[in-house]
């Protein structure tokens, strides 16, 4: 069958009663490539060209935006129940690719429903199944203590984002956070309190993330990491300092800390030009981990 002209497809999307946007996921900013009037009518506004992470955060809030961004990043077809303008929708994500593509270059987002509160029994069952599927996915991707990504999943994200940054000739930054004197904290308070401490520090880091496209994870032991698309090392250091301050302001008592009375973190920052850096993503990360351990 002959390919449909792009302008015809744009007209179909524009006239659809179902809110639709198409996002470029092969670009680090995930810009909105197409959107229709129905999407603008539910609060999307003038979104063309804007980063998807910013658009979706404005519409559904930061916490849900982080989940949606992670689903887009993993390139999995999935759905989320979202409320918009007093109406409830099923936000469906669909990765899109051409036959010659090795990986999806676009992702479509559809807002389905919206006639009112979803009360239909079959819809409730569908939502429950989708929630269960996401939970199973999260159990394999998330660190059980902090709720952040685990190391295996983080390395997958880093490898993908490195390839994108190399293609776009853009920068990537990694910040390794290490809890100060954490072994002494464990000796005093034990495993349960230590896990609680790690979880609260992880939550503080996640709250400080600047954009939904930033990624936080737990690596080995007492090390947490943030991956960000950065423009300068100075801005990344300022960002890391804000996180360090937020952790200290949690006020978690640490009687054996050499850095003060409360739990604190030290950090190591590295910024790379992925297009020029010959080390590759994994060597870049491993070298930073070795530096943080010294």
Protein backbone atom coordinates (compact mmCIF):
# COMPACT_ATOMS: atom_id res chain seq x y z
CA UNK A 1 0.00 0.00 0.00
CA UNK A 2 1.30 3.46 -0.87
CA UNK A 3 2.48 5.58 2.08
CA UNK A 4 0.05 8.25 3.25
CA UNK A 5 1.25 11.81 2.66
CA UNK A 6 2.52 13.54 5.83
CA UNK A 7 0.13 16.47 5.35
CA UNK A 8 -2.82 14.09 5.18
CA UNK A 9 -1.74 12.52 8.47
CA UNK A 10 -1.35 15.93 10.06
CA UNK A 11 -4.90 16.83 8.98
CA UNK A 12 -6.28 13.57 10.39
CA UNK A 13 -4.58 14.20 13.73
CA UNK A 14 -5.65 17.85 13.75
CA UNK A 15 -9.32 16.98 13.21
CA UNK A 16 -9.43 14.05 15.63
CA UNK A 17 -11.76 14.50 18.61
CA UNK A 18 -9.30 12.48 20.70
CA UNK A 19 -6.46 14.58 22.19
CA UNK A 20 -3.21 13.44 20.54
CA UNK A 21 0.43 14.51 20.61
CA UNK A 22 3.48 12.96 18.94
CA UNK A 23 6.86 13.31 20.65
CA UNK A 24 10.37 12.88 19.23
CA UNK A 25 12.15 10.48 21.58
CA UNK A 26 15.37 10.36 19.57
CA UNK A 27 16.11 13.90 20.77
CA UNK A 28 17.31 14.59 24.32
CA UNK A 29 14.62 17.26 24.90
CA UNK A 30 11.75 15.02 23.67
CA UNK A 31 10.14 17.92 21.75
CA UNK A 32 6.46 17.75 20.82
CA UNK A 33 6.42 17.22 17.05
CA UNK A 34 2.65 17.20 16.48
CA UNK A 35 -0.41 18.05 18.56
CA UNK A 36 -4.06 18.73 17.79
CA UNK A 37 -6.74 21.17 18.92
CA UNK A 38 -8.37 18.58 21.15
CA UNK A 39 -5.12 18.29 23.09
CA UNK A 40 -4.84 22.07 23.44
CA UNK A 41 -8.45 22.16 24.69
CA UNK A 42 -7.76 19.89 27.68
CA UNK A 43 -4.95 22.11 28.92
CA UNK A 44 -2.06 21.31 26.61
CA UNK A 45 -1.94 24.86 25.24
CA UNK A 46 0.65 25.79 22.63
CA UNK A 47 2.96 22.81 23.08
CA UNK A 48 4.53 22.36 19.65
CA UNK A 49 8.31 22.20 19.96
CA UNK A 50 8.28 22.27 23.76
CA UNK A 51 9.92 19.45 25.81
CA UNK A 52 7.37 16.71 26.51
CA UNK A 53 8.58 16.43 30.12
CA UNK A 54 7.66 20.08 30.75
CA UNK A 55 4.30 19.80 28.99
CA UNK A 56 3.20 16.68 30.83
CA UNK A 57 4.42 17.98 34.21
CA UNK A 58 2.32 21.13 33.73
CA UNK A 59 -0.74 19.01 32.97
CA UNK A 60 -0.60 16.17 35.52
CA UNK A 61 1.90 17.23 38.19
CA UNK A 62 5.49 16.23 38.90
CA UNK A 63 5.03 12.81 40.52
CA UNK A 64 2.89 11.33 37.75
CA UNK A 65 5.02 13.10 35.12
CA UNK A 66 8.07 11.23 36.41
CA UNK A 67 6.26 7.91 35.96
CA UNK A 68 5.07 8.82 32.49
CA UNK A 69 8.53 10.01 31.46
CA UNK A 70 10.04 6.74 32.67
CA UNK A 71 7.50 4.79 30.57
CA UNK A 72 8.40 6.89 27.50
CA UNK A 73 12.09 6.32 28.16
CA UNK A 74 11.62 2.54 28.42
CA UNK A 75 9.73 2.58 25.08
CA UNK A 76 6.95 0.38 26.41
CA UNK A 77 3.34 0.62 25.26
CA UNK A 78 1.33 1.38 28.39
CA UNK A 79 -1.45 3.56 29.85
CA UNK A 80 -2.07 5.81 32.85
CA UNK A 81 -5.30 7.02 34.45
CA UNK A 82 -5.08 10.83 34.60
CA UNK A 83 -7.47 13.59 35.61
CA UNK A 84 -7.62 16.69 33.45
CA UNK A 85 -10.05 19.59 33.81
CA UNK A 86 -12.30 17.63 36.15
CA UNK A 87 -12.54 14.70 33.71
CA UNK A 88 -10.75 11.39 33.86
CA UNK A 89 -8.83 10.07 30.88
CA UNK A 90 -6.81 7.01 30.01
CA UNK A 91 -3.45 8.35 28.77
CA UNK A 92 -2.10 5.75 26.32
CA UNK A 93 1.53 5.78 25.16
CA UNK A 94 2.50 4.13 21.88
CA UNK A 95 6.12 3.99 20.59
CA UNK A 96 6.28 4.68 16.83
CA UNK A 97 8.96 3.65 14.34
CA UNK A 98 9.46 3.19 10.63
CA UNK A 99 10.24 -0.28 9.22
CA UNK A 100 13.89 0.65 8.64
CA UNK A 101 14.36 1.98 12.19
CA UNK A 102 16.19 -0.13 14.76
CA UNK A 103 14.53 1.79 17.57
CA UNK A 104 11.41 3.93 18.03
CA UNK A 105 12.05 7.55 17.07
CA UNK A 106 8.64 8.87 18.12
CA UNK A 107 6.03 8.23 20.78
CA UNK A 108 2.33 9.04 20.46
CA UNK A 109 0.22 9.95 23.48
CA UNK A 110 -3.59 9.61 23.29
CA UNK A 111 -6.04 10.91 25.92
CA UNK A 112 -8.95 8.47 25.73
CA UNK A 113 -12.29 8.74 27.49
CA UNK A 114 -13.00 11.99 29.26
CA UNK A 115 -16.81 11.74 29.40
CA UNK A 116 -16.75 11.76 33.18
CA UNK A 117 -15.63 9.53 36.03
CA UNK A 118 -14.63 6.12 34.75
CA UNK A 119 -17.16 3.84 36.36
CA UNK A 120 -17.56 1.11 33.79
CA UNK A 121 -16.56 -2.25 35.27
CA UNK A 122 -14.50 -3.28 32.25
CA UNK A 123 -12.62 0.01 32.40
CA UNK A 124 -11.89 -0.55 36.08
CA UNK A 125 -10.57 -4.02 35.30
CA UNK A 126 -8.41 -2.61 32.52
CA UNK A 127 -6.98 0.02 34.86
CA UNK A 128 -6.24 -2.63 37.48
CA UNK A 129 -4.44 -4.79 34.92
CA UNK A 130 -2.40 -1.85 33.64
CA UNK A 131 -1.48 -0.92 37.20
CA UNK A 132 -0.41 -4.50 37.91
CA UNK A 133 1.71 -4.62 34.74
CA UNK A 134 3.42 -1.36 35.67
CA UNK A 135 4.04 -2.71 39.17
CA UNK A 136 5.66 -5.87 37.77
CA UNK A 137 7.81 -3.71 35.50
CA UNK A 138 8.75 -1.48 38.43
CA UNK A 139 9.77 -4.48 40.56
CA UNK A 140 12.38 -5.38 37.95
CA UNK A 141 13.57 -1.80 37.39
CA UNK A 142 13.43 -0.21 40.84
CA UNK A 143 15.65 -0.50 43.88
CA UNK A 144 13.40 -1.99 46.61
CA UNK A 145 14.83 0.24 49.37
CA UNK A 146 14.79 3.70 47.78
CA UNK A 147 12.24 3.32 44.99
CA UNK A 148 14.76 4.83 42.57
CA UNK A 149 16.03 2.93 39.54
CA UNK A 150 18.34 0.02 40.31
CA UNK A 151 21.86 -0.14 38.87
CA UNK A 152 21.04 -2.43 35.95
CA UNK A 153 18.20 -0.20 34.79
CA UNK A 154 20.28 2.94 35.28
CA UNK A 155 23.05 1.57 33.09
CA UNK A 156 20.48 0.83 30.38
CA UNK A 157 19.17 4.41 30.57
CA UNK A 158 22.71 5.84 30.53
CA UNK A 159 23.66 3.74 27.51
CA UNK A 160 20.57 4.95 25.63
CA UNK A 161 20.96 8.62 26.59
CA UNK A 162 24.67 8.52 25.75
CA UNK A 163 23.83 7.36 22.23
CA UNK A 164 21.26 10.14 21.84
CA UNK A 165 23.68 12.78 23.18
CA UNK A 166 26.42 11.54 20.85
CA UNK A 167 24.11 11.82 17.85
CA UNK A 168 23.01 15.32 18.86
CA UNK A 169 26.49 16.44 19.96
CA UNK A 170 25.14 17.40 23.38
CA UNK A 171 26.40 17.06 26.96
CA UNK A 172 25.60 14.53 29.68
CA UNK A 173 26.29 14.93 33.39
CA UNK A 174 26.47 12.36 36.17
CA UNK A 175 26.53 13.16 39.89
CA UNK A 176 27.47 10.42 42.36
CA UNK A 177 26.23 11.03 45.92
CA UNK A 178 27.79 9.08 48.81
CA UNK A 179 26.31 9.12 52.31
CA UNK A 180 29.02 10.27 54.72
CA UNK A 181 30.12 7.72 57.36
CA UNK A 182 27.18 5.49 56.50
CA UNK A 183 28.82 2.35 57.88
CA UNK A 184 28.96 4.05 61.28
CA UNK A 185 25.27 4.96 60.94
CA UNK A 186 24.49 1.31 60.21
CA UNK A 187 26.51 0.18 63.27
CA UNK A 188 24.52 2.49 65.54
CA UNK A 189 20.98 2.11 64.20
CA UNK A 190 20.90 -1.21 62.30
CA UNK A 191 19.52 -2.26 58.95
CA UNK A 192 15.90 -1.06 59.23
CA UNK A 193 16.87 2.48 60.21
CA UNK A 194 19.60 2.50 57.57
CA UNK A 195 17.15 1.46 54.87
CA UNK A 196 14.75 4.18 56.05
CA UNK A 197 17.59 6.70 55.89
CA UNK A 198 18.50 5.67 52.34
CA UNK A 199 14.85 5.88 51.31
CA UNK A 200 14.44 9.41 52.70
CA UNK A 201 17.69 10.59 51.08
CA UNK A 202 16.54 9.07 47.78
CA UNK A 203 13.20 10.89 48.07
CA UNK A 204 15.01 14.18 48.79
CA UNK A 205 17.13 13.71 45.67
CA UNK A 206 14.10 12.90 43.55
CA UNK A 207 12.28 16.03 44.77
CA UNK A 208 15.25 18.14 43.67
CA UNK A 209 15.34 16.84 40.10
CA UNK A 210 14.99 19.80 37.80
CA UNK A 211 13.11 18.09 34.99
CA UNK A 212 11.13 14.92 34.47
CA UNK A 213 13.82 13.74 32.04
CA UNK A 214 16.42 13.70 34.85
CA UNK A 215 17.03 10.21 36.25
CA UNK A 216 17.96 9.15 39.79
CA UNK A 217 19.11 5.67 40.83
CA UNK A 218 20.75 3.71 43.62
CA UNK A 219 24.03 2.05 42.78
CA UNK A 220 26.16 -0.05 45.10
CA UNK A 221 25.59 0.28 48.86
CA UNK A 222 25.45 3.90 49.98
CA UNK A 223 25.84 5.47 46.52
CA UNK A 224 23.04 7.30 44.72
CA UNK A 225 23.36 8.81 41.26
CA UNK A 226 21.66 11.41 39.08
CA UNK A 227 21.90 11.57 35.29
CA UNK A 228 21.09 14.90 33.65
CA UNK A 229 21.42 16.52 30.24
CA UNK A 230 23.66 19.44 31.20
CA UNK A 231 25.04 22.49 29.49
CA UNK A 232 27.86 23.32 31.92
CA UNK A 233 29.73 21.71 34.80
CA UNK A 234 29.14 24.80 36.95
CA UNK A 235 25.35 24.45 36.71
CA UNK A 236 25.60 20.77 37.59
CA UNK A 237 27.72 21.53 40.65
CA UNK A 238 25.17 24.10 41.80
CA UNK A 239 22.44 21.50 41.28
CA UNK A 240 24.42 18.92 43.31
CA UNK A 241 24.99 21.47 46.08
CA UNK A 242 21.23 22.10 46.34
CA UNK A 243 20.66 18.36 46.72
CA UNK A 244 23.38 18.15 49.38
CA UNK A 245 21.68 20.97 51.30
CA UNK A 246 18.27 19.28 50.99
CA UNK A 247 19.68 16.06 52.46
CA UNK A 248 21.28 17.87 55.39
CA UNK A 249 18.01 19.71 56.04
CA UNK A 250 16.21 16.38 56.50
CA UNK A 251 17.70 16.52 60.01
CA UNK A 252 18.42 12.79 60.26
CA UNK A 253 20.48 12.39 63.45
CA UNK A 254 23.94 10.83 62.91
CA UNK A 255 25.90 10.60 66.19
CA UNK A 256 29.08 9.26 64.58
CA UNK A 257 29.32 11.48 61.53
CA UNK A 258 32.57 13.29 60.95
CA UNK A 259 30.71 15.91 58.91
CA UNK A 260 28.26 17.10 61.57
CA UNK A 261 25.32 16.00 63.71
CA UNK A 262 23.09 14.98 60.81
CA UNK A 263 23.21 12.70 57.77
CA UNK A 264 25.03 14.39 54.89
CA UNK A 265 26.23 13.43 51.43
CA UNK A 266 29.41 14.08 49.48
CA UNK A 267 29.25 14.29 45.70
CA UNK A 268 31.40 13.82 42.61
CA UNK A 269 30.46 15.46 39.31
CA UNK A 270 31.46 14.56 35.77
CA UNK A 271 30.29 16.14 32.51
CA UNK A 272 30.99 14.53 29.13
CA UNK A 273 30.60 15.48 25.50
CA UNK A 274 29.26 12.13 24.33
CA UNK A 275 30.13 12.80 20.69
CA UNK A 276 33.80 13.47 21.48
CA UNK A 277 34.37 11.23 24.51
CA UNK A 278 36.02 7.97 23.40
CA UNK A 279 35.45 6.16 26.70
CA UNK A 280 31.83 5.26 26.13
CA UNK A 281 28.97 5.37 28.64
CA UNK A 282 29.96 2.46 30.88
CA UNK A 283 33.63 3.40 31.17
CA UNK A 284 32.60 6.99 31.92
CA UNK A 285 30.37 5.80 34.78
CA UNK A 286 32.85 3.25 36.15
CA UNK A 287 35.68 5.79 36.25
CA UNK A 288 33.48 8.21 38.17
CA UNK A 289 32.55 5.44 40.63
CA UNK A 290 36.22 4.66 41.22
CA UNK A 291 36.92 8.34 41.86
CA UNK A 292 34.01 8.55 44.30
CA UNK A 293 35.34 5.50 46.20
CA UNK A 294 38.79 7.00 46.74
